[in-house]
Amino acid sequence: MTMTDSPPATDTAPAASSPAVAGLYDALTTTDHKRIGRFWLRSGLLLLIGAVVLGVLLGIEGTDAESTDLFGGDNAYFQMWALYRIGLALLVAAPLLVGLATVVVPLQVGSTNIAFPRAALASVWGFILGAGITVVAVLAGGGFGAVDRVTVDERDAIALTLVGLGFVILSLLLASICLATTVVSLRVKGMTLMRAPLFAWSVLVTCSVWLLTLPVLLANLLIAYVDLHNGPGTFGGDASGSLAIYGQIAWVVEQPQVYAFAIPVLGILGSIVPVSAGVRAARHGLSVGLIGLFGLIAIGAWSQPYFQNDGAIPHDEKFVFIAFGLAALLPVLGSMGGAGDTLRRGGDSIVGLPPAHLLGALGGGILLLLGAGAGALRVIEPLELGGSTDQVEGIGTLAVSGVASLVLLSVIVAAVGGFWFWASKIGGHELPPMLGRLALLGLIGGAVLLGGGQVVSGFFDTVNHPLAPPTEDAADALAVVSLIGAILIGLGALGVVASIGKAMRAGATADDDPWGGHTLEWATVDGVFTEAPAPVMSESPLLDDADHEGEES
């Protein structure tokens, strides 16, 4: 039984249509998973540019919030800060991962298409609609709560923000169903889940976690929407305002749920490192287990401080929260150790500067390791990085944002490494290697400065709130460090877009297998299997074929 919808046998677009109309018709009706994936990637890159610009502006404001007013008031400042934090996860990291997975995962498992391709197309257009509504609503005065009195028009804009984000979540859930079904049901014969490529396996784990947790976020939005129109007015109707709406959804970018966006980082690491080293991955089965364990730890819908202020034990001092925070470090350490062992066994396979895709994979893994390490420090109670236990008006010190920044930026760095690695499958163009290295160095260095500065600021009791003034002079200096990091991230993101634009203008066609790949996507020609893949016998079927040919010769 097939799990894919068959594309129309002929192009039903009117023959006399103009190229623009025909192109729009094709974009709205295509069932090609590669085109659908590119829609996701373009959306994610566009929103990434917007996010880094917003991040720089927030950094400038944060260095001197008392005398600088770039956004036109405290309320607007808070709304942009909340949009940046929520958007970096749901509007940037998520679409980049979904786009990369939509292109690559079907090919990795030996399928000719993604499961339910029409549903996959609907998911990307639903995401574009939802993301557009969310951004426009925030710019119109909406957002996720208020720090001062809210007018009727602003209340309507807040409601529209919740509706837009709801569309985004529904679209991610629909895409998760398509991707998870592809990995479960469309694998080539002989490919058990233990033999699945690590990226495809990590996508399955990620989609499973999202399907378990994002519906809870959707319920949070529904509760906030109903309260906004019919509840006791906790949305900020009085002069003091309220952060109640943001407090109900902030858990999605805090521990442990924020790790749910970073699970594919381990899959990208496990797919790129062995190919770069020219050897089989060290302990593939153990890597499968570590990714699965990381997925279990990333299930964080239970961790909602807003609903757990019982007056007894503070949320961040409860045993389960501490255990999850410490345990998250273990699978990341294990995966990085496996990557290091694979590179060691590769010997002299990497000569000179590392290729851009390896730099992205290792950089993403290192940033995730730093984020998980900072998360472990955050749950150690004597360090008091959790800060305030007021579950409504502000949760924790700036170290909470630091953990999120390191984790989410690790996703972006690893995804960019994936662009360079799978460029021939995504768009058929070879991306410039040196410009890619420079862009990735900017992203990695900026992430260390931004996230690291925020984490260290937590030790000076800087509150995780955009309007909270620094408590010590050192925190002022760290705010400048974080601003420099945001600027570097912006330059890196511009470098990525410039690289892609340069490759498209040059029109240079990439080789179908420029790296000597190990998994089935590298057996395709122009992203298409010329013949049905043979049954696989291991996690590296192309290496098996090479070994077999060597024995015959």
Protein backbone atom coordinates (compact mmCIF):
# COMPACT_ATOMS: atom_id res chain seq x y z
CA MET A 1 0.00 0.00 0.00
CA THR A 2 1.38 3.39 -0.98
CA MET A 3 1.23 6.36 1.33
CA THR A 4 1.71 8.99 -1.39
CA ASP A 5 -0.73 10.81 -3.60
CA SER A 6 0.01 10.36 -7.28
CA PRO A 7 0.66 13.63 -9.12
CA PRO A 8 -1.60 14.47 -12.05
CA ALA A 9 -0.63 12.65 -15.23
CA THR A 10 -0.62 15.87 -17.25
CA ASP A 11 -0.26 19.54 -16.55
CA THR A 12 -3.79 20.87 -16.30
CA ALA A 13 -2.76 24.54 -16.26
CA PRO A 14 -4.30 26.51 -19.14
CA ALA A 15 -1.98 26.41 -22.12
CA ALA A 16 -2.50 30.11 -22.82
CA SER A 17 -1.59 31.20 -19.29
CA SER A 18 1.17 33.73 -18.85
CA PRO A 19 4.42 32.48 -17.27
CA ALA A 20 3.55 34.23 -14.00
CA VAL A 21 0.10 32.63 -13.83
CA ALA A 22 1.49 29.23 -14.80
CA GLY A 23 4.21 29.57 -12.16
CA LEU A 24 1.68 30.47 -9.47
CA TYR A 25 -0.56 27.59 -10.53
CA ASP A 26 2.36 25.19 -10.31
CA ALA A 27 3.38 26.54 -6.90
CA LEU A 28 -0.16 25.98 -5.58
CA THR A 29 -0.58 22.50 -7.03
CA THR A 30 2.88 20.87 -7.10
CA THR A 31 3.35 17.49 -5.43
CA ASP A 32 7.13 17.42 -5.83
CA HIS A 33 8.63 17.15 -2.36
CA LYS A 34 11.76 19.00 -3.47
CA ARG A 35 9.78 22.07 -4.52
CA ILE A 36 7.70 21.94 -1.35
CA GLY A 37 10.89 21.75 0.70
CA ARG A 38 12.32 24.77 -1.11
CA PHE A 39 9.18 26.76 -0.22
CA TRP A 40 9.85 25.97 3.45
CA LEU A 41 13.52 26.89 3.14
CA ARG A 42 12.86 30.20 1.40
CA SER A 43 10.31 31.12 4.06
CA GLY A 44 12.72 30.20 6.84
CA LEU A 45 15.59 32.18 5.31
CA LEU A 46 13.42 35.26 4.78
CA LEU A 47 12.21 35.11 8.38
CA LEU A 48 15.79 34.50 9.53
CA ILE A 49 16.86 37.81 7.99
CA GLY A 50 13.97 39.54 9.71
CA ALA A 51 14.82 37.86 13.02
CA VAL A 52 18.50 38.84 12.97
CA VAL A 53 17.62 42.46 12.14
CA LEU A 54 15.17 42.47 15.04
CA GLY A 55 17.80 40.83 17.25
CA VAL A 56 20.30 43.60 16.48
CA LEU A 57 17.72 46.30 17.25
CA LEU A 58 16.83 44.59 20.52
CA GLY A 59 20.53 44.36 21.35
CA ILE A 60 21.00 48.09 20.74
CA GLU A 61 17.99 48.84 22.92
CA GLY A 62 19.22 46.45 25.60
CA THR A 63 22.56 48.21 26.00
CA ASP A 64 20.79 51.35 27.23
CA ALA A 65 17.06 50.77 27.56
CA GLU A 66 16.55 53.89 29.70
CA SER A 67 17.67 56.42 27.07
CA THR A 68 17.10 54.47 23.84
CA ASP A 69 13.61 54.03 22.40
CA LEU A 70 13.79 52.38 18.99
CA PHE A 71 10.34 50.80 19.16
CA GLY A 72 8.17 53.64 20.44
CA GLY A 73 7.40 52.66 24.01
CA ASP A 74 7.79 49.92 26.56
CA ASN A 75 4.83 47.93 25.28
CA ALA A 76 6.17 47.80 21.70
CA TYR A 77 9.62 46.88 23.03
CA PHE A 78 8.17 43.95 24.95
CA GLN A 79 6.13 42.79 21.94
CA MET A 80 9.18 42.73 19.70
CA TRP A 81 11.23 40.95 22.36
CA ALA A 82 8.56 38.26 22.69
CA LEU A 83 8.21 37.95 18.90
CA TYR A 84 11.97 37.45 18.59
CA ARG A 85 12.07 34.70 21.24
CA ILE A 86 9.00 32.81 20.01
CA GLY A 87 9.73 33.49 16.34
CA LEU A 88 13.32 32.23 16.45
CA ALA A 89 11.93 28.80 17.32
CA LEU A 90 8.62 28.54 15.46
CA LEU A 91 9.20 30.91 12.52
CA VAL A 92 12.90 30.31 11.77
CA ALA A 93 14.38 27.10 13.22
CA ALA A 94 11.27 24.98 12.57
CA PRO A 95 10.75 25.84 8.87
CA LEU A 96 14.46 25.47 8.09
CA LEU A 97 14.41 21.96 9.57
CA VAL A 98 11.10 20.99 7.95
CA GLY A 99 12.30 22.26 4.56
CA LEU A 100 15.58 20.37 4.75
CA ALA A 101 13.76 17.22 5.87
CA THR A 102 11.08 17.50 3.17
CA VAL A 103 13.76 17.50 0.46
CA VAL A 104 16.19 14.97 1.92
CA VAL A 105 14.30 12.43 4.05
CA PRO A 106 12.23 10.80 1.26
CA LEU A 107 15.43 10.30 -0.75
CA GLN A 108 17.30 8.94 2.28
CA VAL A 109 14.71 6.23 2.86
CA GLY A 110 14.50 5.33 -0.85
CA SER A 111 11.07 6.85 -1.58
CA THR A 112 10.10 8.68 -4.75
CA ASN A 113 8.10 11.26 -2.82
CA ILE A 114 6.97 12.36 0.62
CA ALA A 115 3.89 10.75 2.15
CA PHE A 116 0.71 12.74 1.51
CA PRO A 117 2.37 15.31 -0.79
CA ARG A 118 -0.78 17.43 -1.13
CA ALA A 119 -0.99 17.67 2.65
CA ALA A 120 2.69 18.62 2.69
CA LEU A 121 1.97 21.40 0.19
CA ALA A 122 -0.97 22.58 2.30
CA SER A 123 1.28 22.68 5.36
CA VAL A 124 3.83 25.02 3.78
CA TRP A 125 1.21 27.44 2.49
CA GLY A 126 -0.55 27.31 5.86
CA PHE A 127 2.76 28.17 7.51
CA ILE A 128 3.38 31.10 5.16
CA LEU A 129 -0.14 32.41 5.86
CA GLY A 130 0.21 31.95 9.62
CA ALA A 131 3.68 33.49 9.80
CA GLY A 132 2.52 36.49 7.78
CA ILE A 133 -0.50 37.03 10.03
CA THR A 134 1.64 36.72 13.17
CA VAL A 135 4.26 39.23 12.06
CA VAL A 136 1.74 41.76 10.71
CA ALA A 137 -0.37 41.48 13.86
CA VAL A 138 2.61 42.20 16.10
CA LEU A 139 3.63 45.17 13.96
CA ALA A 140 0.05 46.44 14.26
CA GLY A 141 0.31 46.51 18.06
CA GLY A 142 -0.48 42.91 18.91
CA GLY A 143 1.75 40.29 20.45
CA PHE A 144 1.76 38.14 23.55
CA GLY A 145 0.54 40.36 26.39
CA ALA A 146 1.34 43.86 27.54
CA VAL A 147 3.34 45.84 30.07
CA ASP A 148 0.85 48.72 30.15
CA ARG A 149 -2.81 49.37 29.40
CA VAL A 150 -4.10 47.81 26.17
CA THR A 151 -6.55 49.61 23.90
CA VAL A 152 -9.41 47.84 22.11
CA ASP A 153 -7.51 47.92 18.81
CA GLU A 154 -4.42 46.47 20.47
CA ARG A 155 -6.53 43.73 22.03
CA ASP A 156 -7.82 42.77 18.58
CA ALA A 157 -4.25 42.73 17.26
CA ILE A 158 -3.21 40.46 20.15
CA ALA A 159 -6.07 38.11 19.26
CA LEU A 160 -4.94 38.11 15.62
CA THR A 161 -1.41 37.27 16.76
CA LEU A 162 -2.74 34.20 18.56
CA VAL A 163 -4.70 33.14 15.48
CA GLY A 164 -1.64 33.51 13.23
CA LEU A 165 0.55 31.49 15.58
CA GLY A 166 -2.19 28.86 15.70
CA PHE A 167 -1.97 28.51 11.91
CA VAL A 168 1.80 28.10 12.22
CA ILE A 169 1.44 25.31 14.78
CA LEU A 170 -1.23 23.48 12.78
CA SER A 171 1.01 23.65 9.70
CA LEU A 172 3.99 22.24 11.60
CA LEU A 173 1.81 19.42 12.92
CA LEU A 174 0.59 18.57 9.41
CA ALA A 175 4.16 18.59 8.08
CA SER A 176 5.21 16.37 10.99
CA ILE A 177 2.57 13.80 10.06
CA CYS A 178 3.82 13.73 6.44
CA LEU A 179 7.47 13.37 7.43
CA ALA A 180 6.91 10.81 10.18
CA THR A 181 4.74 8.68 7.87
CA THR A 182 7.45 8.83 5.20
CA VAL A 183 10.06 7.42 7.55
CA VAL A 184 7.74 4.81 9.05
CA SER A 185 5.96 3.57 5.92
CA LEU A 186 8.01 4.36 2.83
CA ARG A 187 11.42 2.91 3.68
CA VAL A 188 13.07 0.74 1.05
CA LYS A 189 13.16 -2.99 1.68
CA GLY A 190 15.73 -4.01 4.26
CA MET A 191 15.91 -0.57 5.90
CA THR A 192 14.82 -1.10 9.49
CA LEU A 193 14.63 1.89 11.80
CA MET A 194 17.99 0.83 13.22
CA ARG A 195 19.43 1.04 9.68
CA ALA A 196 17.77 4.35 8.82
CA PRO A 197 20.13 7.28 8.19
CA LEU A 198 20.60 9.33 11.34
CA PHE A 199 19.07 12.46 9.84
CA ALA A 200 15.92 10.60 8.81
CA TRP A 201 15.75 8.95 12.26
CA SER A 202 16.22 12.31 14.02
CA VAL A 203 13.41 13.80 11.93
CA LEU A 204 11.10 10.95 12.97
CA VAL A 205 11.96 11.54 16.63
CA THR A 206 11.47 15.30 16.22
CA CYS A 207 8.09 14.90 14.54
CA SER A 208 6.97 12.50 17.26
CA VAL A 209 7.91 15.01 19.96
CA TRP A 210 6.19 17.84 18.10
CA LEU A 211 3.02 15.76 17.66
CA LEU A 212 2.99 15.14 21.42
CA THR A 213 3.73 18.70 22.54
CA LEU A 214 2.65 21.29 19.97
CA PRO A 215 -1.06 20.46 20.44
CA VAL A 216 -0.57 21.53 24.06
CA LEU A 217 0.79 24.86 22.84
CA LEU A 218 -2.24 25.15 20.59
CA ALA A 219 -4.44 24.61 23.66
CA ASN A 220 -2.50 27.34 25.47
CA LEU A 221 -3.28 29.73 22.64
CA LEU A 222 -6.96 28.79 22.76
CA ILE A 223 -7.10 29.42 26.52
CA ALA A 224 -5.41 32.80 26.04
CA TYR A 225 -7.77 33.71 23.19
CA VAL A 226 -10.89 32.86 25.19
CA ASP A 227 -9.57 34.72 28.23
CA LEU A 228 -8.72 37.69 26.03
CA HIS A 229 -12.34 38.10 24.93
CA ASN A 230 -14.34 36.59 27.77
CA GLY A 231 -12.07 36.11 30.77
CA PRO A 232 -11.16 38.28 33.74
CA GLY A 233 -9.04 40.64 31.65
CA THR A 234 -5.63 39.27 32.53
CA PHE A 235 -4.41 40.27 29.07
CA GLY A 236 -3.50 43.77 30.27
CA GLY A 237 -6.66 45.81 30.49
CA ASP A 238 -5.57 47.79 33.52
CA ALA A 239 -2.76 50.29 33.87
CA SER A 240 -0.27 47.74 35.21
CA GLY A 241 -0.58 45.48 32.16
CA SER A 242 0.05 41.74 32.22
CA LEU A 243 2.44 39.19 30.76
CA ALA A 244 -0.07 36.40 31.30
CA ILE A 245 -0.33 35.44 27.63
CA TYR A 246 3.43 35.27 27.17
CA GLY A 247 3.73 33.37 30.46
CA GLN A 248 1.39 30.66 29.13
CA ILE A 249 3.41 29.98 25.98
CA ALA A 250 6.99 30.77 27.06
CA TRP A 251 7.60 27.11 27.94
CA VAL A 252 8.03 26.29 24.24
CA VAL A 253 11.36 28.19 24.15
CA GLU A 254 12.55 27.11 27.59
CA GLN A 255 13.88 23.88 29.04
CA PRO A 256 13.29 21.13 28.20
CA GLN A 257 10.94 21.85 25.28
CA VAL A 258 13.45 24.05 23.45
CA TYR A 259 15.57 20.92 22.87
CA ALA A 260 12.75 19.55 20.68
CA PHE A 261 13.88 21.91 17.91
CA ALA A 262 17.49 20.74 18.16
CA ILE A 263 17.06 16.96 17.81
CA PRO A 264 17.91 17.05 14.06
CA VAL A 265 21.23 18.74 14.90
CA LEU A 266 22.42 15.33 16.10
CA GLY A 267 21.07 13.73 12.91
CA ILE A 268 22.84 16.24 10.67
CA LEU A 269 26.04 15.71 12.66
CA GLY A 270 25.72 11.95 12.28
CA SER A 271 25.10 12.20 8.53
CA ILE A 272 27.84 14.66 7.58
CA VAL A 273 30.77 13.61 9.78
CA PRO A 274 31.16 10.01 8.47
CA VAL A 275 31.04 11.18 4.85
CA SER A 276 33.61 13.90 5.54
CA ALA A 277 35.85 11.37 7.30
CA GLY A 278 35.37 8.76 4.58
CA VAL A 279 34.55 5.96 7.04
CA ARG A 280 31.47 4.32 8.49
CA ALA A 281 29.93 6.04 11.48
CA ALA A 282 31.23 4.87 14.83
CA ARG A 283 28.57 2.92 16.76
CA HIS A 284 25.56 3.74 14.59
CA GLY A 285 23.22 1.84 16.90
CA LEU A 286 24.38 3.84 19.91
CA SER A 287 23.78 7.08 17.98
CA VAL A 288 20.25 5.95 17.22
CA GLY A 289 19.68 5.36 20.92
CA LEU A 290 21.18 8.71 21.93
CA ILE A 291 18.95 10.61 19.50
CA GLY A 292 15.92 8.74 20.81
CA LEU A 293 16.92 9.54 24.39
CA PHE A 294 17.36 13.22 23.53
CA GLY A 295 13.85 13.16 22.07
CA LEU A 296 12.40 11.76 25.28
CA ILE A 297 14.16 14.44 27.32
CA ALA A 298 12.84 17.14 24.95
CA ILE A 299 9.19 16.38 25.73
CA GLY A 300 8.47 19.49 27.75
CA ALA A 301 4.74 20.22 27.62
CA TRP A 302 4.50 19.19 31.28
CA SER A 303 6.92 21.98 32.23
CA GLN A 304 4.70 25.06 32.31
CA PRO A 305 5.62 27.36 35.21
CA TYR A 306 2.55 29.54 34.65
CA PHE A 307 0.27 26.71 35.73
CA GLN A 308 2.53 25.27 38.44
CA ASN A 309 2.82 28.13 40.91
CA ASP A 310 1.40 26.10 43.79
CA GLY A 311 3.12 28.11 46.48
CA ALA A 312 5.12 25.13 47.71
CA ILE A 313 8.23 24.19 45.74
CA PRO A 314 9.23 26.58 42.92
CA HIS A 315 8.93 25.04 39.48
CA ASP A 316 12.65 25.10 38.73
CA GLU A 317 13.50 23.40 42.02
CA LYS A 318 11.34 20.33 41.42
CA PHE A 319 13.15 17.03 40.95
CA VAL A 320 11.80 16.22 37.47
CA PHE A 321 12.82 19.63 36.07
CA ILE A 322 16.32 19.29 37.53
CA ALA A 323 16.68 15.71 36.29
CA PHE A 324 15.66 16.64 32.73
CA GLY A 325 18.02 19.62 32.73
CA LEU A 326 21.00 17.52 33.75
CA ALA A 327 20.12 14.51 31.58
CA ALA A 328 19.91 16.58 28.38
CA LEU A 329 23.67 16.96 28.44
CA LEU A 330 24.32 13.21 28.17
CA PRO A 331 23.04 12.41 24.64
CA VAL A 332 24.68 15.53 23.24
CA LEU A 333 28.00 14.59 24.82
CA GLY A 334 27.65 11.04 23.52
CA SER A 335 26.85 12.19 19.99
CA MET A 336 29.77 14.61 19.93
CA GLY A 337 32.03 11.86 21.25
CA GLY A 338 30.87 9.55 18.46
CA ALA A 339 31.53 12.26 15.87
CA GLY A 340 35.02 12.80 17.30
CA ASP A 341 35.76 9.07 17.17
CA THR A 342 34.59 8.92 13.55
CA LEU A 343 36.83 11.85 12.60
CA ARG A 344 39.76 10.22 14.40
CA ARG A 345 39.31 7.00 12.44
CA GLY A 346 39.08 9.01 9.23
CA GLY A 347 42.69 10.02 9.72
CA ASP A 348 43.90 12.28 6.95
CA SER A 349 40.63 12.41 5.01
CA ILE A 350 40.24 16.09 5.91
CA VAL A 351 43.19 18.15 4.72
CA GLY A 352 43.37 21.92 5.16
CA LEU A 353 40.30 23.96 5.99
CA PRO A 354 37.19 21.89 6.83
CA PRO A 355 34.47 22.07 4.17
CA ALA A 356 31.52 24.32 4.92
CA HIS A 357 29.13 21.44 5.56
CA LEU A 358 31.45 19.87 8.15
CA LEU A 359 31.98 23.26 9.79
CA GLY A 360 28.21 23.69 10.03
CA ALA A 361 27.65 20.20 11.46
CA LEU A 362 30.42 20.49 14.06
CA GLY A 363 29.53 24.10 14.86
CA GLY A 364 25.91 23.16 15.41
CA GLY A 365 26.94 20.28 17.65
CA ILE A 366 29.29 22.47 19.71
CA LEU A 367 26.63 25.17 20.16
CA LEU A 368 24.10 22.54 21.22
CA LEU A 369 26.65 21.16 23.69
CA LEU A 370 27.17 24.66 25.09
CA GLY A 371 23.41 25.16 25.30
CA ALA A 372 22.84 21.86 27.06
CA GLY A 373 25.74 22.62 29.41
CA ALA A 374 24.28 26.03 30.22
CA GLY A 375 20.92 24.32 30.75
CA ALA A 376 22.53 21.97 33.25
CA LEU A 377 24.00 24.94 35.12
CA ARG A 378 20.62 26.65 35.05
CA VAL A 379 18.94 23.84 37.04
CA ILE A 380 21.62 23.71 39.76
CA GLU A 381 19.74 25.52 42.50
CA PRO A 382 22.71 27.06 44.41
CA LEU A 383 23.71 28.98 41.27
CA GLU A 384 20.26 30.64 41.24
CA LEU A 385 20.21 31.06 37.47
CA GLY A 386 16.50 30.34 37.67
CA GLY A 387 16.16 33.69 39.39
CA SER A 388 12.67 34.92 40.11
CA THR A 389 10.01 32.38 41.03
CA ASP A 390 7.20 34.76 40.08
CA GLN A 391 5.56 32.53 37.47
CA VAL A 392 3.56 35.32 35.79
CA GLU A 393 5.63 38.48 35.49
CA GLY A 394 9.05 37.13 34.60
CA ILE A 395 10.69 33.71 34.75
CA GLY A 396 14.32 33.39 35.66
CA THR A 397 17.44 35.34 34.88
CA LEU A 398 18.79 36.17 31.44
CA ALA A 399 20.53 32.77 31.50
CA VAL A 400 17.13 31.29 30.52
CA SER A 401 17.25 33.26 27.27
CA GLY A 402 20.92 32.32 26.90
CA VAL A 403 20.10 28.61 26.87
CA ALA A 404 17.39 29.18 24.25
CA SER A 405 19.69 31.32 22.11
CA LEU A 406 22.49 28.74 22.06
CA VAL A 407 20.12 25.84 21.33
CA LEU A 408 18.11 27.56 18.60
CA LEU A 409 21.19 29.04 16.94
CA SER A 410 22.72 25.56 16.93
CA VAL A 411 19.74 24.50 14.81
CA ILE A 412 20.30 27.34 12.35
CA VAL A 413 24.04 26.64 12.07
CA ALA A 414 23.49 22.89 11.53
CA ALA A 415 20.75 23.59 8.97
CA VAL A 416 23.10 25.88 7.04
CA GLY A 417 25.69 23.09 7.09
CA GLY A 418 22.96 20.87 5.66
CA PHE A 419 22.37 23.39 2.84
CA TRP A 420 25.98 23.06 1.71
CA PHE A 421 25.99 19.26 2.15
CA TRP A 422 22.74 18.54 0.29
CA ALA A 423 22.89 21.51 -2.12
CA SER A 424 22.79 19.24 -5.17
CA LYS A 425 19.55 17.68 -3.91
CA ILE A 426 17.93 20.93 -2.78
CA GLY A 427 18.46 23.11 -5.82
CA GLY A 428 21.02 21.40 -8.03
CA HIS A 429 23.56 24.21 -7.54
CA GLU A 430 26.99 24.07 -5.96
CA LEU A 431 27.26 26.61 -3.15
CA PRO A 432 30.51 28.63 -2.85
CA PRO A 433 32.70 26.93 -0.22
CA MET A 434 34.76 29.88 1.04
CA LEU A 435 31.79 32.22 1.40
CA GLY A 436 30.00 29.41 3.21
CA ARG A 437 32.86 29.07 5.69
CA LEU A 438 32.86 32.79 6.37
CA ALA A 439 29.10 32.88 6.84
CA LEU A 440 29.20 29.93 9.23
CA LEU A 441 32.09 31.40 11.23
CA GLY A 442 30.00 34.55 11.65
CA LEU A 443 26.98 32.55 12.78
CA ILE A 444 28.97 30.37 15.18
CA GLY A 445 31.02 33.20 16.67
CA GLY A 446 27.96 35.40 17.00
CA ALA A 447 26.00 32.63 18.69
CA VAL A 448 28.77 32.10 21.25
CA LEU A 449 28.91 35.82 22.05
CA LEU A 450 25.14 36.32 22.13
CA GLY A 451 24.15 33.20 24.04
CA GLY A 452 27.28 33.15 26.19
CA GLY A 453 26.84 36.79 27.16
CA GLN A 454 23.26 36.11 28.20
CA VAL A 455 24.23 33.05 30.25
CA VAL A 456 27.01 34.88 32.07
CA SER A 457 24.64 37.80 32.71
CA GLY A 458 22.49 35.36 34.64
CA PHE A 459 25.25 35.09 37.24
CA PHE A 460 24.80 38.84 37.85
CA ASP A 461 21.04 38.36 38.45
CA THR A 462 19.99 40.14 35.28
CA VAL A 463 16.26 39.40 35.00
CA ASN A 464 14.93 37.64 31.89
CA HIS A 465 12.73 40.59 30.96
CA PRO A 466 13.37 43.22 28.28
CA LEU A 467 12.62 46.15 30.57
CA ALA A 468 14.60 44.99 33.60
CA PRO A 469 17.70 47.18 34.10
CA PRO A 470 21.10 45.50 34.62
CA THR A 471 21.97 45.05 38.28
CA GLU A 472 25.74 45.51 37.92
CA ASP A 473 28.21 47.25 35.63
CA ALA A 474 29.45 43.87 34.38
CA ALA A 475 25.98 43.17 33.02
CA ASP A 476 26.19 46.37 30.94
CA ALA A 477 29.44 45.12 29.39
CA LEU A 478 27.88 41.73 28.70
CA ALA A 479 24.96 43.44 26.95
CA VAL A 480 27.49 44.98 24.56
CA VAL A 481 29.07 41.54 24.01
CA SER A 482 25.63 40.12 23.18
CA LEU A 483 25.02 43.00 20.76
CA ILE A 484 28.29 42.25 18.95
CA GLY A 485 27.17 38.63 18.74
CA ALA A 486 23.83 39.66 17.23
CA ILE A 487 25.63 41.75 14.61
CA LEU A 488 27.90 38.82 13.69
CA ILE A 489 24.86 36.56 13.38
CA GLY A 490 23.27 39.10 11.07
CA LEU A 491 26.38 39.23 8.89
CA GLY A 492 26.49 35.43 8.81
CA ALA A 493 22.86 35.19 7.78
CA LEU A 494 23.41 37.72 5.01
CA GLY A 495 26.40 35.65 3.89
CA VAL A 496 24.21 32.56 3.61
CA VAL A 497 21.64 34.38 1.48
CA ALA A 498 24.39 35.93 -0.65
CA SER A 499 25.95 32.49 -1.21
CA ILE A 500 22.67 31.01 -2.38
CA GLY A 501 22.03 34.00 -4.65
CA LYS A 502 25.53 33.79 -6.13
CA ALA A 503 25.13 30.07 -6.85
CA MET A 504 21.77 30.61 -8.56
CA ARG A 505 23.13 33.45 -10.70
CA ALA A 506 26.19 31.43 -11.70
CA GLY A 507 24.00 28.50 -12.66
CA ALA A 508 26.77 25.99 -11.96
CA THR A 509 25.29 22.52 -11.71
CA ALA A 510 26.48 20.45 -8.76
CA ASP A 511 27.55 16.84 -9.05
CA ASP A 512 24.95 14.31 -7.96
CA ASP A 513 27.40 12.91 -5.38
CA PRO A 514 30.14 15.48 -4.75
CA TRP A 515 31.18 14.10 -1.35
CA GLY A 516 31.15 10.33 -1.84
CA GLY A 517 27.97 9.89 0.22
CA HIS A 518 26.96 6.78 2.13
CA THR A 519 23.15 6.87 2.00
CA LEU A 520 20.56 6.51 -0.72
CA GLU A 521 19.97 10.18 -1.55
CA TRP A 522 23.40 10.20 -3.22
CA ALA A 523 22.28 7.48 -5.65
CA THR A 524 19.75 9.83 -7.26
CA VAL A 525 20.28 11.78 -10.49
CA ASP A 526 18.87 15.31 -10.29
CA GLY A 527 17.08 14.21 -7.15
CA VAL A 528 15.32 11.29 -8.85
CA PHE A 529 15.95 7.55 -8.58
CA THR A 530 16.65 6.21 -12.07
CA GLU A 531 15.84 2.72 -10.85
CA ALA A 532 14.28 1.24 -7.75
CA PRO A 533 16.83 1.07 -4.90
CA ALA A 534 18.03 -2.42 -4.06
CA PRO A 535 17.32 -3.82 -0.58
CA VAL A 536 19.75 -2.34 1.91
CA MET A 537 21.86 -4.37 4.29
CA SER A 538 23.23 -1.65 6.58
CA GLU A 539 22.97 2.02 7.47
CA SER A 540 25.50 2.84 4.69
CA PRO A 541 24.17 1.11 1.56
CA LEU A 542 26.41 2.99 -0.88
CA LEU A 543 29.49 1.93 1.07
CA ASP A 544 28.19 -1.65 0.91
CA ASP A 545 27.97 -1.36 -2.89
CA ALA A 546 31.51 0.03 -3.09
CA ASP A 547 32.85 -2.77 -0.89
CA HIS A 548 31.05 -5.36 -3.02
CA GLU A 549 32.47 -3.93 -6.25
CA GLY A 550 35.95 -3.92 -4.70
CA GLU A 551 35.65 -7.61 -3.79
CA GLU A 552 34.54 -8.50 -7.32
CA SER A 553 37.44 -6.65 -8.89
